[in-house]
Structures are given as C-alpha cells and as structure tokens.
Amino acid sequence: MAEIKITSANFEAEVVKSPVPVVVDFWASWCGPCRMLAPIIAEIAEEKAGTVKVGKINVDEEGELAVRFGVSAIPMVAKFENGRMTAQTVGYMKKADLEKALGI
C-alpha cells in the first residue's frame, strides 16, 4: 500500500479514526533530508501494509497541521495511535533506527 496524502480535510478520517497506528511524515519538496527519507517511508508503507498506515503531510500545503503538531524542523515523522501522537523523530534516520524510535 502506498503512502496516503494527508490534508486538513482528511486528517480526522485517515489518522484520528484509523483502526491501526498511523505513521505520518511531515515533509516539504525543497527539503533534502525529506527527499532522502522518502524511499524509506515508501518501503515502510509497503512492508507494514495492513498493520500500520503511512501518510505524508506537505508542510508547505498544510501549515495548519504543521503548527497543530509543533513541527519546527523537517523531516518529522510521528506515530499516531487512537488519534494521539505517541512517538516522533526529527531529521533523517536509517530505516532500522526509524522503526525502533517509532516502535513499529
């Protein structure tokens, strides 16, 4: 399963009401480390399909969500469970380190 584009319009349905944990990548197209992390996020989306949902939030397009979740540096990857943020990382990480930090 590919990553889902998350916006203010679908955040409630895709993240808050999700029956499985949701990993959200806060990113921007101009961000080098975000581009480096993108293939890792895609890989996690494929490997964890069915047990974890993976979404991406473009902070330039969804500034309100970035502010709501205190995004001060990107890439920021957060894990949401039952609508609440339960873990987060900032900056580029290797896949194994990211999965460990998020508990996925």
PDB file of N, CA and C in Angstrom:
ATOM      1  N   MET A   1       0.847  -1.191   0.000  1.00  0.00           N
ATOM      2  CA  MET A   1       0.000   0.000   0.000  1.00  0.00           C
ATOM      3  C   MET A   1       0.882   1.241   0.000  1.00  0.00           C
ATOM      4  N   ALA A   2       0.566   2.163  -0.843  1.00  0.00           N
ATOM      5  CA  ALA A   2       1.342   3.393  -0.944  1.00  0.00           C
ATOM      6  C   ALA A   2       0.978   4.356   0.184  1.00  0.00           C
ATOM      7  N   GLU A   3       1.811   5.364   0.327  1.00  0.00           N
ATOM      8  CA  GLU A   3       1.513   6.379   1.330  1.00  0.00           C
ATOM      9  C   GLU A   3       0.268   7.149   0.924  1.00  0.00           C
ATOM     10  N   ILE A   4      -0.424   7.650   1.934  1.00  0.00           N
ATOM     11  CA  ILE A   4      -1.644   8.428   1.728  1.00  0.00           C
ATOM     12  C   ILE A   4      -1.283   9.902   1.893  1.00  0.00           C
ATOM     13  N   LYS A   5      -1.803  10.755   1.018  1.00  0.00           N
ATOM     14  CA  LYS A   5      -1.614  12.201   1.186  1.00  0.00           C
ATOM     15  C   LYS A   5      -2.620  12.655   2.233  1.00  0.00           C
ATOM     16  N   ILE A   6      -2.118  13.171   3.332  1.00  0.00           N
ATOM     17  CA  ILE A   6      -2.985  13.613   4.422  1.00  0.00           C
ATOM     18  C   ILE A   6      -3.102  15.134   4.383  1.00  0.00           C
ATOM     19  N   THR A   7      -4.330  15.606   4.489  1.00  0.00           N
ATOM     20  CA  THR A   7      -4.624  17.037   4.473  1.00  0.00           C
ATOM     21  C   THR A   7      -5.513  17.364   5.668  1.00  0.00           C
ATOM     22  N   SER A   8      -5.765  18.635   5.863  1.00  0.00           N
ATOM     23  CA  SER A   8      -6.696  19.037   6.929  1.00  0.00           C
ATOM     24  C   SER A   8      -8.065  18.403   6.700  1.00  0.00           C
ATOM     25  N   ALA A   9      -8.438  18.248   5.432  1.00  0.00           N
ATOM     26  CA  ALA A   9      -9.758  17.718   5.092  1.00  0.00           C
ATOM     27  C   ALA A   9      -9.920  16.236   5.438  1.00  0.00           C
ATOM     28  N   ASN A  10      -8.845  15.451   5.308  1.00  0.00           N
ATOM     29  CA  ASN A  10      -9.000  14.011   5.577  1.00  0.00           C
ATOM     30  C   ASN A  10      -8.270  13.540   6.834  1.00  0.00           C
ATOM     31  N   PHE A  11      -7.679  14.448   7.597  1.00  0.00           N
ATOM     32  CA  PHE A  11      -6.908  14.068   8.784  1.00  0.00           C
ATOM     33  C   PHE A  11      -7.751  13.264   9.784  1.00  0.00           C
ATOM     34  N   GLU A  12      -8.940  13.745  10.065  1.00  0.00           N
ATOM     35  CA  GLU A  12      -9.822  13.063  11.023  1.00  0.00           C
ATOM     36  C   GLU A  12     -10.075  11.616  10.598  1.00  0.00           C
ATOM     37  N   ALA A  13     -10.461  11.424   9.345  1.00  0.00           N
ATOM     38  CA  ALA A  13     -10.804  10.085   8.847  1.00  0.00           C
ATOM     39  C   ALA A  13      -9.580   9.182   8.742  1.00  0.00           C
ATOM     40  N   GLU A  14      -8.468   9.710   8.237  1.00  0.00           N
ATOM     41  CA  GLU A  14      -7.290   8.877   7.973  1.00  0.00           C
ATOM     42  C   GLU A  14      -6.418   8.628   9.198  1.00  0.00           C
ATOM     43  N   VAL A  15      -6.370   9.586  10.123  1.00  0.00           N
ATOM     44  CA  VAL A  15      -5.475   9.459  11.273  1.00  0.00           C
ATOM     45  C   VAL A  15      -6.246   9.232  12.576  1.00  0.00           C
ATOM     46  N   VAL A  16      -7.116  10.165  12.912  1.00  0.00           N
ATOM     47  CA  VAL A  16      -7.810  10.090  14.200  1.00  0.00           C
ATOM     48  C   VAL A  16      -8.674   8.837  14.316  1.00  0.00           C
ATOM     49  N   LYS A  17      -9.387   8.499  13.257  1.00  0.00           N
ATOM     50  CA  LYS A  17     -10.302   7.364  13.314  1.00  0.00           C
ATOM     51  C   LYS A  17      -9.701   6.061  12.776  1.00  0.00           C
ATOM     52  N   SER A  18      -8.412   6.046  12.515  1.00  0.00           N
ATOM     53  CA  SER A  18      -7.765   4.851  11.962  1.00  0.00           C
ATOM     54  C   SER A  18      -7.764   3.718  12.982  1.00  0.00           C
ATOM     55  N   PRO A  19      -8.144   2.499  12.562  1.00  0.00           N
ATOM     56  CA  PRO A  19      -8.126   1.353  13.467  1.00  0.00           C
ATOM     57  C   PRO A  19      -6.706   0.815  13.701  1.00  0.00           C
ATOM     58  N   VAL A  20      -5.742   1.251  12.889  1.00  0.00           N
ATOM     59  CA  VAL A  20      -4.346   0.823  13.049  1.00  0.00           C
ATOM     60  C   VAL A  20      -3.475   2.050  13.291  1.00  0.00           C
ATOM     61  N   PRO A  21      -2.284   1.867  13.868  1.00  0.00           N
ATOM     62  CA  PRO A  21      -1.379   3.010  14.049  1.00  0.00           C
ATOM     63  C   PRO A  21      -1.076   3.672  12.706  1.00  0.00           C
ATOM     64  N   VAL A  22      -0.860   4.990  12.753  1.00  0.00           N
ATOM     65  CA  VAL A  22      -0.567   5.757  11.545  1.00  0.00           C
ATOM     66  C   VAL A  22       0.790   6.442  11.713  1.00  0.00           C
ATOM     67  N   VAL A  23       1.682   6.208  10.746  1.00  0.00           N
ATOM     68  CA  VAL A  23       2.967   6.892  10.708  1.00  0.00           C
ATOM     69  C   VAL A  23       2.815   8.051   9.728  1.00  0.00           C
ATOM     70  N   VAL A  24       3.108   9.253  10.197  1.00  0.00           N
ATOM     71  CA  VAL A  24       2.933  10.450   9.368  1.00  0.00           C
ATOM     72  C   VAL A  24       4.285  11.126   9.160  1.00  0.00           C
ATOM     73  N   ASP A  25       4.622  11.333   7.898  1.00  0.00           N
ATOM     74  CA  ASP A  25       5.850  12.013   7.506  1.00  0.00           C
ATOM     75  C   ASP A  25       5.509  13.467   7.176  1.00  0.00           C
ATOM     76  N   PHE A  26       5.986  14.399   8.014  1.00  0.00           N
ATOM     77  CA  PHE A  26       5.830  15.831   7.735  1.00  0.00           C
ATOM     78  C   PHE A  26       7.050  16.222   6.903  1.00  0.00           C
ATOM     79  N   TRP A  27       6.828  16.726   5.689  1.00  0.00           N
ATOM     80  CA  TRP A  27       7.911  16.948   4.736  1.00  0.00           C
ATOM     81  C   TRP A  27       7.647  18.169   3.868  1.00  0.00           C
ATOM     82  N   ALA A  28       8.632  18.519   3.042  1.00  0.00           N
ATOM     83  CA  ALA A  28       8.476  19.572   2.023  1.00  0.00           C
ATOM     84  C   ALA A  28       9.342  19.198   0.825  1.00  0.00           C
ATOM     85  N   SER A  29       8.925  19.624  -0.350  1.00  0.00           N
ATOM     86  CA  SER A  29       9.620  19.252  -1.586  1.00  0.00           C
ATOM     87  C   SER A  29      11.038  19.825  -1.668  1.00  0.00           C
ATOM     88  N   TRP A  30      11.293  20.951  -1.019  1.00  0.00           N
ATOM     89  CA  TRP A  30      12.598  21.607  -1.075  1.00  0.00           C
ATOM     90  C   TRP A  30      13.587  21.060  -0.049  1.00  0.00           C
ATOM     91  N   CYS A  31      13.148  20.148   0.796  1.00  0.00           N
ATOM     92  CA  CYS A  31      13.942  19.645   1.924  1.00  0.00           C
ATOM     93  C   CYS A  31      14.762  18.420   1.501  1.00  0.00           C
ATOM     94  N   GLY A  32      16.080  18.574   1.449  1.00  0.00           N
ATOM     95  CA  GLY A  32      16.967  17.478   1.057  1.00  0.00           C
ATOM     96  C   GLY A  32      16.819  16.228   1.921  1.00  0.00           C
ATOM     97  N   PRO A  33      16.901  16.357   3.254  1.00  0.00           N
ATOM     98  CA  PRO A  33      16.737  15.176   4.100  1.00  0.00           C
ATOM     99  C   PRO A  33      15.353  14.520   3.932  1.00  0.00           C
ATOM    100  N   CYS A  34      14.335  15.327   3.623  1.00  0.00           N
ATOM    101  CA  CYS A  34      12.995  14.762   3.371  1.00  0.00           C
ATOM    102  C   CYS A  34      13.031  13.874   2.128  1.00  0.00           C
ATOM    103  N   ARG A  35      13.713  14.338   1.089  1.00  0.00           N
ATOM    104  CA  ARG A  35      13.817  13.551  -0.145  1.00  0.00           C
ATOM    105  C   ARG A  35      14.622  12.275   0.093  1.00  0.00           C
ATOM    106  N   MET A  36      15.635  12.348   0.961  1.00  0.00           N
ATOM    107  CA  MET A  36      16.435  11.163   1.289  1.00  0.00           C
ATOM    108  C   MET A  36      15.598  10.144   2.070  1.00  0.00           C
ATOM    109  N   LEU A  37      14.691  10.641   2.891  1.00  0.00           N
ATOM    110  CA  LEU A  37      13.867   9.768   3.722  1.00  0.00           C
ATOM    111  C   LEU A  37      12.693   9.160   2.946  1.00  0.00           C
ATOM    112  N   ALA A  38      12.275   9.798   1.863  1.00  0.00           N
ATOM    113  CA  ALA A  38      11.085   9.369   1.114  1.00  0.00           C
ATOM    114  C   ALA A  38      11.099   7.889   0.718  1.00  0.00           C
ATOM    115  N   PRO A  39      12.207   7.343   0.176  1.00  0.00           N
ATOM    116  CA  PRO A  39      12.172   5.922  -0.193  1.00  0.00           C
ATOM    117  C   PRO A  39      12.032   4.995   1.021  1.00  0.00           C
ATOM    118  N   ILE A  40      12.554   5.424   2.161  1.00  0.00           N
ATOM    119  CA  ILE A  40      12.425   4.625   3.385  1.00  0.00           C
ATOM    120  C   ILE A  40      10.975   4.620   3.844  1.00  0.00           C
ATOM    121  N   ILE A  41      10.325   5.780   3.783  1.00  0.00           N
ATOM    122  CA  ILE A  41       8.913   5.875   4.153  1.00  0.00           C
ATOM    123  C   ILE A  41       8.077   4.995   3.222  1.00  0.00           C
ATOM    124  N   ALA A  42       8.383   5.013   1.927  1.00  0.00           N
ATOM    125  CA  ALA A  42       7.652   4.191   0.959  1.00  0.00           C
ATOM    126  C   ALA A  42       7.847   2.706   1.247  1.00  0.00           C
ATOM    127  N   GLU A  43       9.063   2.338   1.611  1.00  0.00           N
ATOM    128  CA  GLU A  43       9.368   0.940   1.934  1.00  0.00           C
ATOM    129  C   GLU A  43       8.582   0.489   3.163  1.00  0.00           C
ATOM    130  N   ILE A  44       8.541   1.326   4.177  1.00  0.00           N
ATOM    131  CA  ILE A  44       7.781   1.007   5.395  1.00  0.00           C
ATOM    132  C   ILE A  44       6.298   0.852   5.047  1.00  0.00           C
ATOM    133  N   ALA A  45       5.791   1.726   4.188  1.00  0.00           N
ATOM    134  CA  ALA A  45       4.378   1.651   3.791  1.00  0.00           C
ATOM    135  C   ALA A  45       4.075   0.303   3.148  1.00  0.00           C
ATOM    136  N   GLU A  46       4.974  -0.175   2.292  1.00  0.00           N
ATOM    137  CA  GLU A  46       4.767  -1.467   1.621  1.00  0.00           C
ATOM    138  C   GLU A  46       4.886  -2.619   2.605  1.00  0.00           C
ATOM    139  N   GLU A  47       5.930  -2.601   3.421  1.00  0.00           N
ATOM    140  CA  GLU A  47       6.208  -3.725   4.326  1.00  0.00           C
ATOM    141  C   GLU A  47       5.197  -3.849   5.459  1.00  0.00           C
ATOM    142  N   LYS A  48       4.682  -2.729   5.926  1.00  0.00           N
ATOM    143  CA  LYS A  48       3.784  -2.739   7.097  1.00  0.00           C
ATOM    144  C   LYS A  48       2.316  -2.628   6.705  1.00  0.00           C
ATOM    145  N   ALA A  49       2.025  -2.706   5.410  1.00  0.00           N
ATOM    146  CA  ALA A  49       0.633  -2.589   4.946  1.00  0.00           C
ATOM    147  C   ALA A  49      -0.256  -3.559   5.710  1.00  0.00           C
ATOM    148  N   GLY A  50      -1.377  -3.043   6.209  1.00  0.00           N
ATOM    149  CA  GLY A  50      -2.311  -3.864   6.969  1.00  0.00           C
ATOM    150  C   GLY A  50      -2.143  -3.726   8.470  1.00  0.00           C
ATOM    151  N   THR A  51      -0.904  -3.465   8.920  1.00  0.00           N
ATOM    152  CA  THR A  51      -0.683  -3.307  10.359  1.00  0.00           C
ATOM    153  C   THR A  51      -0.402  -1.866  10.746  1.00  0.00           C
ATOM    154  N   VAL A  52       0.124  -1.098   9.793  1.00  0.00           N
ATOM    155  CA  VAL A  52       0.418   0.324  10.012  1.00  0.00           C
ATOM    156  C   VAL A  52       0.036   1.077   8.741  1.00  0.00           C
ATOM    157  N   LYS A  53      -0.611   2.216   8.907  1.00  0.00           N
ATOM    158  CA  LYS A  53      -0.938   3.087   7.776  1.00  0.00           C
ATOM    159  C   LYS A  53       0.150   4.156   7.712  1.00  0.00           C
ATOM    160  N   VAL A  54       0.567   4.531   6.512  1.00  0.00           N
ATOM    161  CA  VAL A  54       1.607   5.542   6.350  1.00  0.00           C
ATOM    162  C   VAL A  54       1.057   6.705   5.532  1.00  0.00           C
ATOM    163  N   GLY A  55       1.220   7.897   6.069  1.00  0.00           N
ATOM    164  CA  GLY A  55       0.747   9.089   5.379  1.00  0.00           C
ATOM    165  C   GLY A  55       1.816  10.159   5.315  1.00  0.00           C
ATOM    166  N   LYS A  56       1.627  11.096   4.403  1.00  0.00           N
ATOM    167  CA  LYS A  56       2.559  12.201   4.244  1.00  0.00           C
ATOM    168  C   LYS A  56       1.796  13.520   4.307  1.00  0.00           C
ATOM    169  N   ILE A  57       2.375  14.475   5.028  1.00  0.00           N
ATOM    170  CA  ILE A  57       1.798  15.813   5.114  1.00  0.00           C
ATOM    171  C   ILE A  57       2.840  16.800   4.605  1.00  0.00           C
ATOM    172  N   ASN A  58       2.516  17.492   3.511  1.00  0.00           N
ATOM    173  CA  ASN A  58       3.388  18.523   2.965  1.00  0.00           C
ATOM    174  C   ASN A  58       3.180  19.779   3.818  1.00  0.00           C
ATOM    175  N   VAL A  59       4.218  20.172   4.557  1.00  0.00           N
ATOM    176  CA  VAL A  59       4.060  21.295   5.491  1.00  0.00           C
ATOM    177  C   VAL A  59       3.829  22.632   4.783  1.00  0.00           C
ATOM    178  N   ASP A  60       4.253  22.745   3.526  1.00  0.00           N
ATOM    179  CA  ASP A  60       4.003  23.977   2.779  1.00  0.00           C
ATOM    180  C   ASP A  60       2.528  24.098   2.401  1.00  0.00           C
ATOM    181  N   GLU A  61       1.891  22.972   2.141  1.00  0.00           N
ATOM    182  CA  GLU A  61       0.476  22.968   1.761  1.00  0.00           C
ATOM    183  C   GLU A  61      -0.452  22.888   2.972  1.00  0.00           C
ATOM    184  N   GLU A  62       0.032  22.306   4.059  1.00  0.00           N
ATOM    185  CA  GLU A  62      -0.796  22.066   5.244  1.00  0.00           C
ATOM    186  C   GLU A  62      -0.164  22.701   6.486  1.00  0.00           C
ATOM    187  N   GLY A  63       0.069  24.013   6.407  1.00  0.00           N
ATOM    188  CA  GLY A  63       0.694  24.734   7.511  1.00  0.00           C
ATOM    189  C   GLY A  63      -0.059  24.611   8.821  1.00  0.00           C
ATOM    190  N   GLU A  64      -1.389  24.550   8.734  1.00  0.00           N
ATOM    191  CA  GLU A  64      -2.216  24.439   9.939  1.00  0.00           C
ATOM    192  C   GLU A  64      -1.909  23.148  10.708  1.00  0.00           C
ATOM    193  N   LEU A  65      -1.763  22.040   9.980  1.00  0.00           N
ATOM    194  CA  LEU A  65      -1.433  20.769  10.637  1.00  0.00           C
ATOM    195  C   LEU A  65      -0.011  20.793  11.199  1.00  0.00           C
ATOM    196  N   ALA A  66       0.910  21.426  10.484  1.00  0.00           N
ATOM    197  CA  ALA A  66       2.294  21.531  10.969  1.00  0.00           C
ATOM    198  C   ALA A  66       2.329  22.297  12.284  1.00  0.00           C
ATOM    199  N   VAL A  67       1.598  23.394  12.359  1.00  0.00           N
ATOM    200  CA  VAL A  67       1.541  24.190  13.589  1.00  0.00           C
ATOM    201  C   VAL A  67       0.852  23.391  14.699  1.00  0.00           C
ATOM    202  N   ARG A  68      -0.241  22.737  14.375  1.00  0.00           N
ATOM    203  CA  ARG A  68      -1.004  21.958  15.356  1.00  0.00           C
ATOM    204  C   ARG A  68      -0.141  20.906  16.054  1.00  0.00           C
ATOM    205  N   PHE A  69       0.806  20.312  15.314  1.00  0.00           N
ATOM    206  CA  PHE A  69       1.631  19.256  15.890  1.00  0.00           C
ATOM    207  C   PHE A  69       3.057  19.704  16.193  1.00  0.00           C
ATOM    208  N   GLY A  70       3.263  21.015  16.235  1.00  0.00           N
ATOM    209  CA  GLY A  70       4.532  21.567  16.685  1.00  0.00           C
ATOM    210  C   GLY A  70       5.723  21.224  15.813  1.00  0.00           C
ATOM    211  N   VAL A  71       5.511  21.156  14.511  1.00  0.00           N
ATOM    212  CA  VAL A  71       6.610  20.837  13.607  1.00  0.00           C
ATOM    213  C   VAL A  71       7.510  22.062  13.484  1.00  0.00           C
ATOM    214  N   SER A  72       8.729  21.957  14.016  1.00  0.00           N
ATOM    215  CA  SER A  72       9.667  23.075  13.936  1.00  0.00           C
ATOM    216  C   SER A  72      10.856  22.742  13.042  1.00  0.00           C
ATOM    217  N   ALA A  73      11.014  21.467  12.695  1.00  0.00           N
ATOM    218  CA  ALA A  73      12.071  21.030  11.790  1.00  0.00           C
ATOM    219  C   ALA A  73      11.554  19.821  11.025  1.00  0.00           C
ATOM    220  N   ILE A  74      12.018  19.684   9.778  1.00  0.00           N
ATOM    221  CA  ILE A  74      11.586  18.551   8.971  1.00  0.00           C
ATOM    222  C   ILE A  74      12.810  17.848   8.400  1.00  0.00           C
ATOM    223  N   PRO A  75      12.722  16.577   8.077  1.00  0.00           N
ATOM    224  CA  PRO A  75      11.519  15.760   8.191  1.00  0.00           C
ATOM    225  C   PRO A  75      11.213  15.425   9.654  1.00  0.00           C
ATOM    226  N   MET A  76       9.937  15.463   9.981  1.00  0.00           N
ATOM    227  CA  MET A  76       9.468  14.979  11.277  1.00  0.00           C
ATOM    228  C   MET A  76       8.531  13.816  10.986  1.00  0.00           C
ATOM    229  N   VAL A  77       8.801  12.696  11.600  1.00  0.00           N
ATOM    230  CA  VAL A  77       7.955  11.523  11.422  1.00  0.00           C
ATOM    231  C   VAL A  77       7.305  11.225  12.763  1.00  0.00           C
ATOM    232  N   ALA A  78       5.987  11.136  12.763  1.00  0.00           N
ATOM    233  CA  ALA A  78       5.241  10.905  14.001  1.00  0.00           C
ATOM    234  C   ALA A  78       4.381   9.658  13.873  1.00  0.00           C
ATOM    235  N   LYS A  79       4.170   9.010  15.000  1.00  0.00           N
ATOM    236  CA  LYS A  79       3.274   7.849  15.048  1.00  0.00           C
ATOM    237  C   LYS A  79       2.048   8.244  15.864  1.00  0.00           C
ATOM    238  N   PHE A  80       0.888   7.980  15.288  1.00  0.00           N
ATOM    239  CA  PHE A  80      -0.380   8.266  15.958  1.00  0.00           C
ATOM    240  C   PHE A  80      -1.083   6.957  16.267  1.00  0.00           C
ATOM    241  N   GLU A  81      -1.583   6.845  17.485  1.00  0.00           N
ATOM    242  CA  GLU A  81      -2.388   5.694  17.881  1.00  0.00           C
ATOM    243  C   GLU A  81      -3.637   6.225  18.563  1.00  0.00           C
ATOM    244  N   ASN A  82      -4.783   5.739  18.131  1.00  0.00           N
ATOM    245  CA  ASN A  82      -6.058   6.197  18.682  1.00  0.00           C
ATOM    246  C   ASN A  82      -6.177   7.722  18.635  1.00  0.00           C
ATOM    247  N   GLY A  83      -5.656   8.316  17.547  1.00  0.00           N
ATOM    248  CA  GLY A  83      -5.785   9.748  17.349  1.00  0.00           C
ATOM    249  C   GLY A  83      -4.784  10.606  18.085  1.00  0.00           C
ATOM    250  N   ARG A  84      -3.905   9.985  18.877  1.00  0.00           N
ATOM    251  CA  ARG A  84      -2.918  10.755  19.647  1.00  0.00           C
ATOM    252  C   ARG A  84      -1.507  10.464  19.156  1.00  0.00           C
ATOM    253  N   MET A  85      -0.657  11.491  19.143  1.00  0.00           N
ATOM    254  CA  MET A  85       0.742  11.287  18.785  1.00  0.00           C
ATOM    255  C   MET A  85       1.429  10.564  19.935  1.00  0.00           C
ATOM    256  N   THR A  86       2.029   9.415  19.645  1.00  0.00           N
ATOM    257  CA  THR A  86       2.667   8.611  20.688  1.00  0.00           C
ATOM    258  C   THR A  86       4.185   8.545  20.544  1.00  0.00           C
ATOM    259  N   ALA A  87       4.704   8.941  19.384  1.00  0.00           N
ATOM    260  CA  ALA A  87       6.158   8.945  19.177  1.00  0.00           C
ATOM    261  C   ALA A  87       6.472   9.894  18.035  1.00  0.00           C
ATOM    262  N   GLN A  88       7.709  10.408  18.012  1.00  0.00           N
ATOM    263  CA  GLN A  88       8.114  11.257  16.898  1.00  0.00           C
ATOM    264  C   GLN A  88       9.628  11.265  16.777  1.00  0.00           C
ATOM    265  N   THR A  89      10.088  11.515  15.558  1.00  0.00           N
ATOM    266  CA  THR A  89      11.511  11.668  15.278  1.00  0.00           C
ATOM    267  C   THR A  89      11.678  12.913  14.414  1.00  0.00           C
ATOM    268  N   VAL A  90      12.854  13.500  14.458  1.00  0.00           N
ATOM    269  CA  VAL A  90      13.149  14.654  13.618  1.00  0.00           C
ATOM    270  C   VAL A  90      14.476  14.401  12.924  1.00  0.00           C
ATOM    271  N   GLY A  91      14.498  14.677  11.626  1.00  0.00           N
ATOM    272  CA  GLY A  91      15.720  14.507  10.853  1.00  0.00           C
ATOM    273  C   GLY A  91      15.760  13.159  10.148  1.00  0.00           C
ATOM    274  N   TYR A  92      16.756  13.023   9.274  1.00  0.00           N
ATOM    275  CA  TYR A  92      16.922  11.775   8.526  1.00  0.00           C
ATOM    276  C   TYR A  92      17.409  10.681   9.467  1.00  0.00           C
ATOM    277  N   MET A  93      16.890   9.488   9.297  1.00  0.00           N
ATOM    278  CA  MET A  93      17.344   8.316  10.053  1.00  0.00           C
ATOM    279  C   MET A  93      17.381   7.114   9.135  1.00  0.00           C
ATOM    280  N   LYS A  94      18.242   6.177   9.453  1.00  0.00           N
ATOM    281  CA  LYS A  94      18.227   4.903   8.740  1.00  0.00           C
ATOM    282  C   LYS A  94      16.930   4.195   9.089  1.00  0.00           C
ATOM    283  N   LYS A  95      16.502   3.294   8.216  1.00  0.00           N
ATOM    284  CA  LYS A  95      15.222   2.616   8.376  1.00  0.00           C
ATOM    285  C   LYS A  95      15.105   1.906   9.728  1.00  0.00           C
ATOM    286  N   ALA A  96      16.112   1.126  10.089  1.00  0.00           N
ATOM    287  CA  ALA A  96      16.053   0.369  11.348  1.00  0.00           C
ATOM    288  C   ALA A  96      15.919   1.300  12.553  1.00  0.00           C
ATOM    289  N   ASP A  97      16.655   2.421  12.529  1.00  0.00           N
ATOM    290  CA  ASP A  97      16.590   3.380  13.626  1.00  0.00           C
ATOM    291  C   ASP A  97      15.216   4.052  13.697  1.00  0.00           C
ATOM    292  N   LEU A  98      14.656   4.358  12.531  1.00  0.00           N
ATOM    293  CA  LEU A  98      13.331   4.982  12.473  1.00  0.00           C
ATOM    294  C   LEU A  98      12.273   4.032  13.029  1.00  0.00           C
ATOM    295  N   GLU A  99      12.310   2.787  12.578  1.00  0.00           N
ATOM    296  CA  GLU A  99      11.331   1.810  13.048  1.00  0.00           C
ATOM    297  C   GLU A  99      11.441   1.595  14.553  1.00  0.00           C
ATOM    298  N   LYS A 100      12.670   1.554  15.067  1.00  0.00           N
ATOM    299  CA  LYS A 100      12.872   1.378  16.502  1.00  0.00           C
ATOM    300  C   LYS A 100      12.336   2.578  17.281  1.00  0.00           C
ATOM    301  N   ALA A 101      12.663   3.784  16.808  1.00  0.00           N
ATOM    302  CA  ALA A 101      12.227   5.008  17.500  1.00  0.00           C
ATOM    303  C   ALA A 101      10.695   5.124  17.529  1.00  0.00           C
ATOM    304  N   LEU A 102      10.050   4.668  16.470  1.00  0.00           N
ATOM    305  CA  LEU A 102       8.582   4.759  16.389  1.00  0.00           C
ATOM    306  C   LEU A 102       7.874   3.536  16.981  1.00  0.00           C
ATOM    307  N   GLY A 103       8.630   2.485  17.230  1.00  0.00           N
ATOM    308  CA  GLY A 103       8.030   1.266  17.787  1.00  0.00           C
ATOM    309  C   GLY A 103       7.145   0.556  16.779  1.00  0.00           C
ATOM    310  N   ILE A 104       7.610   0.475  15.531  1.00  0.00           N
ATOM    311  CA  ILE A 104       6.819  -0.219  14.500  1.00  0.00           C
ATOM    312  C   ILE A 104       7.605  -1.390  13.913  1.00  0.00           C
TER     313      ILE A 104
END
